[in-house]
Amino acid sequence: MRAQRDAPCLEGPRVLLRPLRGSDFDAWHEVRARSRDWLEAWEPLPEPGSPDPATDPDAFRARCGAWDRQRQFDAAYGFGVFLRDNERFAGEVSLGNVQRGPFQSAYVGYWIDEAAAGHGYIPESVVLMLRYAFEELRLHRIEAAIVPRNAPSRRVAAKLGLRDEGVARRLLQIRGVYEDHVRYAITSEEWIERRAELADAFL
């Protein structure tokens, strides 16, 4: 019988990460609606006819349930980013496509409310996620794939000193077009060497 995986809560000095729940819909809707153009430029098109979780509470609850099921199956881990000074929802950070066996790897993804960008909340959130990935989930390699012209997301990878491993051609569908992505990575060996430095800088 599969063990139940409790919903983790990761705390940094300025952000708190926890899985989203149905009661977060109003806050999520407000941020996604206000930042739609800022965010959707870097996201895949949804499946035709699928409900929009940014406007449909039932679709949002289904999305939360899907993240919970993926956590139970050790397939993916999604967290809302909340600012600790006012408990305001500000974005998301996730580990997706978790692969066990000889890989022990996952992809990290993140987005931030346009109004909260530029304050270092996402670098802090990603360091919390890396610590969780390497020290709790015992993964070996974390990757990030970013569209080359997405300068804000690439700045996060650069701030954290993630290794640039080059460009993967037409890796992922973004707004209906298969786009190149710059691939960044960090391994558990590098995390052990750098965790004190990253904690001092961001935690």
Protein backbone atom coordinates (compact mmCIF):
# COMPACT_ATOMS: atom_id res chain seq x y z
CA MET A 1 0.00 0.00 0.00
CA ARG A 2 1.41 3.40 -0.96
CA ALA A 3 2.34 5.64 2.00
CA GLN A 4 0.38 8.87 2.30
CA ARG A 5 2.61 11.87 1.58
CA ASP A 6 1.81 14.79 3.84
CA ALA A 7 1.55 18.22 2.27
CA PRO A 8 4.85 19.94 3.12
CA CYS A 9 5.27 23.58 4.10
CA LEU A 10 8.63 25.21 3.34
CA GLU A 11 9.54 28.42 5.17
CA GLY A 12 12.07 31.05 4.18
CA PRO A 13 12.73 34.45 5.73
CA ARG A 14 10.25 36.22 3.41
CA VAL A 15 8.21 33.49 1.71
CA LEU A 16 6.21 30.45 2.71
CA LEU A 17 5.63 27.62 0.24
CA ARG A 18 2.66 25.29 0.59
CA PRO A 19 0.41 23.34 -1.77
CA LEU A 20 -2.52 25.35 -3.05
CA ARG A 21 -6.05 24.41 -1.95
CA GLY A 22 -9.51 25.26 -3.18
CA SER A 23 -9.86 28.17 -0.75
CA ASP A 24 -6.97 29.93 -2.54
CA PHE A 25 -9.05 30.45 -5.69
CA ASP A 26 -9.88 34.12 -5.16
CA ALA A 27 -6.24 35.09 -4.59
CA TRP A 28 -5.00 32.91 -7.48
CA HIS A 29 -7.68 34.29 -9.80
CA GLU A 30 -6.81 37.89 -8.93
CA VAL A 31 -3.08 37.43 -9.63
CA ARG A 32 -3.54 35.37 -12.78
CA ALA A 33 -6.12 37.78 -14.23
CA ARG A 34 -4.06 40.87 -13.48
CA SER A 35 -0.78 39.32 -14.70
CA ARG A 36 -2.23 37.36 -17.63
CA ASP A 37 -0.15 38.99 -20.39
CA TRP A 38 3.00 38.91 -18.25
CA LEU A 39 2.65 35.18 -17.54
CA GLU A 40 0.98 33.58 -20.54
CA ALA A 41 3.69 34.70 -22.98
CA TRP A 42 5.86 31.90 -21.53
CA GLU A 43 3.26 29.16 -21.12
CA PRO A 44 1.92 26.39 -23.38
CA LEU A 45 -1.52 26.79 -24.88
CA PRO A 46 -4.12 24.83 -22.91
CA GLU A 47 -5.90 21.87 -24.44
CA PRO A 48 -8.79 23.07 -26.66
CA GLY A 49 -12.04 23.21 -24.73
CA SER A 50 -10.42 22.75 -21.32
CA PRO A 51 -11.80 24.98 -18.53
CA ASP A 52 -9.61 27.85 -17.34
CA PRO A 53 -8.62 27.47 -13.66
CA ALA A 54 -8.01 31.23 -13.53
CA THR A 55 -11.73 31.89 -14.03
CA ASP A 56 -13.45 28.61 -13.10
CA PRO A 57 -13.39 27.67 -9.38
CA ASP A 58 -14.18 24.02 -10.15
CA ALA A 59 -11.28 23.84 -12.60
CA PHE A 60 -9.01 25.42 -10.00
CA ARG A 61 -10.07 22.86 -7.39
CA ALA A 62 -9.44 20.09 -9.92
CA ARG A 63 -5.98 21.54 -10.56
CA CYS A 64 -5.24 21.49 -6.82
CA GLY A 65 -6.45 17.89 -6.64
CA ALA A 66 -4.22 16.92 -9.58
CA TRP A 67 -1.16 18.37 -7.81
CA ASP A 68 -2.12 16.47 -4.66
CA ARG A 69 -2.43 13.18 -6.56
CA GLN A 70 0.90 13.76 -8.26
CA ARG A 71 2.51 14.35 -4.87
CA GLN A 72 1.03 11.08 -3.57
CA PHE A 73 2.54 9.24 -6.54
CA ASP A 74 5.91 11.04 -6.15
CA ALA A 75 5.46 12.39 -9.68
CA ALA A 76 5.39 16.17 -9.10
CA TYR A 77 5.30 18.71 -6.27
CA GLY A 78 3.53 22.05 -6.62
CA PHE A 79 3.64 24.94 -4.14
CA GLY A 80 2.03 28.33 -3.90
CA VAL A 81 4.38 31.16 -2.94
CA PHE A 82 3.01 33.31 -0.10
CA LEU A 83 4.65 36.44 1.29
CA ARG A 84 5.18 36.05 5.00
CA ASP A 85 4.70 39.71 5.94
CA ASN A 86 1.10 39.86 4.71
CA GLU A 87 0.28 36.22 3.71
CA ARG A 88 -0.40 37.43 0.16
CA PHE A 89 -0.31 34.86 -2.64
CA ALA A 90 2.45 35.83 -5.10
CA GLY A 91 3.19 32.92 -7.46
CA GLU A 92 4.11 29.27 -7.75
CA VAL A 93 7.17 27.05 -7.75
CA SER A 94 7.11 23.37 -8.63
CA LEU A 95 9.04 20.20 -9.24
CA GLY A 96 7.70 18.37 -12.26
CA ASN A 97 8.43 15.20 -14.18
CA VAL A 98 10.07 13.48 -11.20
CA GLN A 99 11.99 10.46 -12.43
CA ARG A 100 13.31 7.83 -10.04
CA GLY A 101 15.42 4.78 -10.88
CA PRO A 102 18.81 5.70 -12.35
CA PHE A 103 17.76 9.31 -13.08
CA GLN A 104 16.56 10.66 -9.69
CA SER A 105 15.77 13.93 -11.42
CA ALA A 106 13.09 16.60 -11.85
CA TYR A 107 12.41 19.95 -13.50
CA VAL A 108 11.92 23.10 -11.45
CA GLY A 109 9.44 25.68 -12.69
CA TYR A 110 8.36 29.02 -11.29
CA TRP A 111 6.30 32.14 -11.92
CA ILE A 112 5.63 35.35 -9.99
CA ASP A 113 2.91 37.99 -9.83
CA GLU A 114 4.06 40.88 -12.03
CA ALA A 115 3.49 43.27 -9.11
CA ALA A 116 5.86 41.23 -6.89
CA ALA A 117 8.62 40.71 -9.47
CA GLY A 118 12.11 42.04 -8.88
CA HIS A 119 12.11 41.62 -5.09
CA GLY A 120 13.97 38.31 -4.88
CA TYR A 121 10.98 36.20 -3.83
CA ILE A 122 11.48 33.62 -6.58
CA PRO A 123 15.23 33.03 -6.00
CA GLU A 124 14.42 32.47 -2.32
CA SER A 125 11.58 30.11 -3.26
CA VAL A 126 13.74 28.13 -5.67
CA VAL A 127 16.48 27.69 -3.04
CA LEU A 128 13.84 26.35 -0.63
CA MET A 129 12.68 23.99 -3.36
CA LEU A 130 16.23 22.84 -4.14
CA ARG A 131 16.84 22.09 -0.47
CA TYR A 132 13.60 20.11 -0.33
CA ALA A 133 14.43 18.26 -3.56
CA PHE A 134 17.93 17.27 -2.57
CA GLU A 135 17.63 16.80 1.18
CA GLU A 136 14.07 15.50 1.60
CA LEU A 137 13.21 13.87 -1.73
CA ARG A 138 16.82 12.73 -2.26
CA LEU A 139 16.87 13.66 -5.92
CA HIS A 140 20.20 13.84 -7.75
CA ARG A 141 19.61 16.38 -10.51
CA ILE A 142 17.29 19.37 -10.92
CA GLU A 143 16.88 21.06 -14.30
CA ALA A 144 15.22 24.26 -15.50
CA ALA A 145 14.31 24.91 -19.14
CA ILE A 146 13.76 28.55 -20.11
CA VAL A 147 12.88 30.27 -23.39
CA PRO A 148 16.02 32.26 -24.35
CA ARG A 149 14.23 35.62 -24.53
CA ASN A 150 12.62 35.18 -21.09
CA ALA A 151 15.13 37.47 -19.40
CA PRO A 152 13.47 37.58 -15.92
CA SER A 153 13.46 33.77 -15.58
CA ARG A 154 17.01 33.52 -16.87
CA ARG A 155 18.12 36.10 -14.29
CA VAL A 156 16.82 33.79 -11.54
CA ALA A 157 18.93 30.90 -12.89
CA ALA A 158 21.96 33.20 -13.15
CA LYS A 159 21.52 34.54 -9.59
CA LEU A 160 21.44 30.99 -8.28
CA GLY A 161 24.48 29.99 -10.31
CA LEU A 162 22.72 27.15 -12.10
CA ARG A 163 24.89 25.60 -14.80
CA ASP A 164 24.00 26.60 -18.38
CA GLU A 165 24.03 23.37 -20.38
CA GLY A 166 23.15 24.88 -23.74
CA VAL A 167 20.06 25.17 -25.93
CA ALA A 168 17.58 22.38 -26.59
CA ARG A 169 16.03 23.02 -30.00
CA ARG A 170 12.23 23.24 -30.19
CA LEU A 171 11.88 21.56 -26.80
CA LEU A 172 8.43 22.66 -25.70
CA GLN A 173 5.24 24.16 -27.12
CA ILE A 174 4.81 27.77 -26.00
CA ARG A 175 1.66 29.61 -27.20
CA GLY A 176 1.31 27.06 -29.99
CA VAL A 177 4.92 27.19 -31.26
CA TYR A 178 7.68 24.72 -30.39
CA GLU A 179 10.37 26.94 -28.88
CA ASP A 180 14.06 26.54 -28.12
CA HIS A 181 14.89 26.44 -24.39
CA VAL A 182 18.11 27.10 -22.51
CA ARG A 183 18.72 24.20 -20.14
CA TYR A 184 20.09 24.84 -16.68
CA ALA A 185 20.94 22.24 -14.05
CA ILE A 186 22.33 21.58 -10.59
CA THR A 187 23.21 18.19 -9.08
CA SER A 188 23.20 16.99 -5.49
CA GLU A 189 27.01 17.08 -5.45
CA GLU A 190 26.92 20.76 -6.41
CA TRP A 191 24.19 21.40 -3.86
CA ILE A 192 26.36 19.94 -1.08
CA GLU A 193 29.22 22.20 -2.13
CA ARG A 194 27.04 25.31 -2.46
CA ARG A 195 24.18 24.96 0.02
CA ALA A 196 25.79 27.16 2.70
CA GLU A 197 26.52 29.85 0.10
CA LEU A 198 22.97 29.72 -1.28
CA ALA A 199 21.44 29.71 2.21
CA ASP A 200 23.53 32.72 3.23
CA ALA A 201 22.54 34.61 0.08
CA PHE A 202 18.83 33.78 -0.07
CA LEU A 203 17.71 32.27 3.25
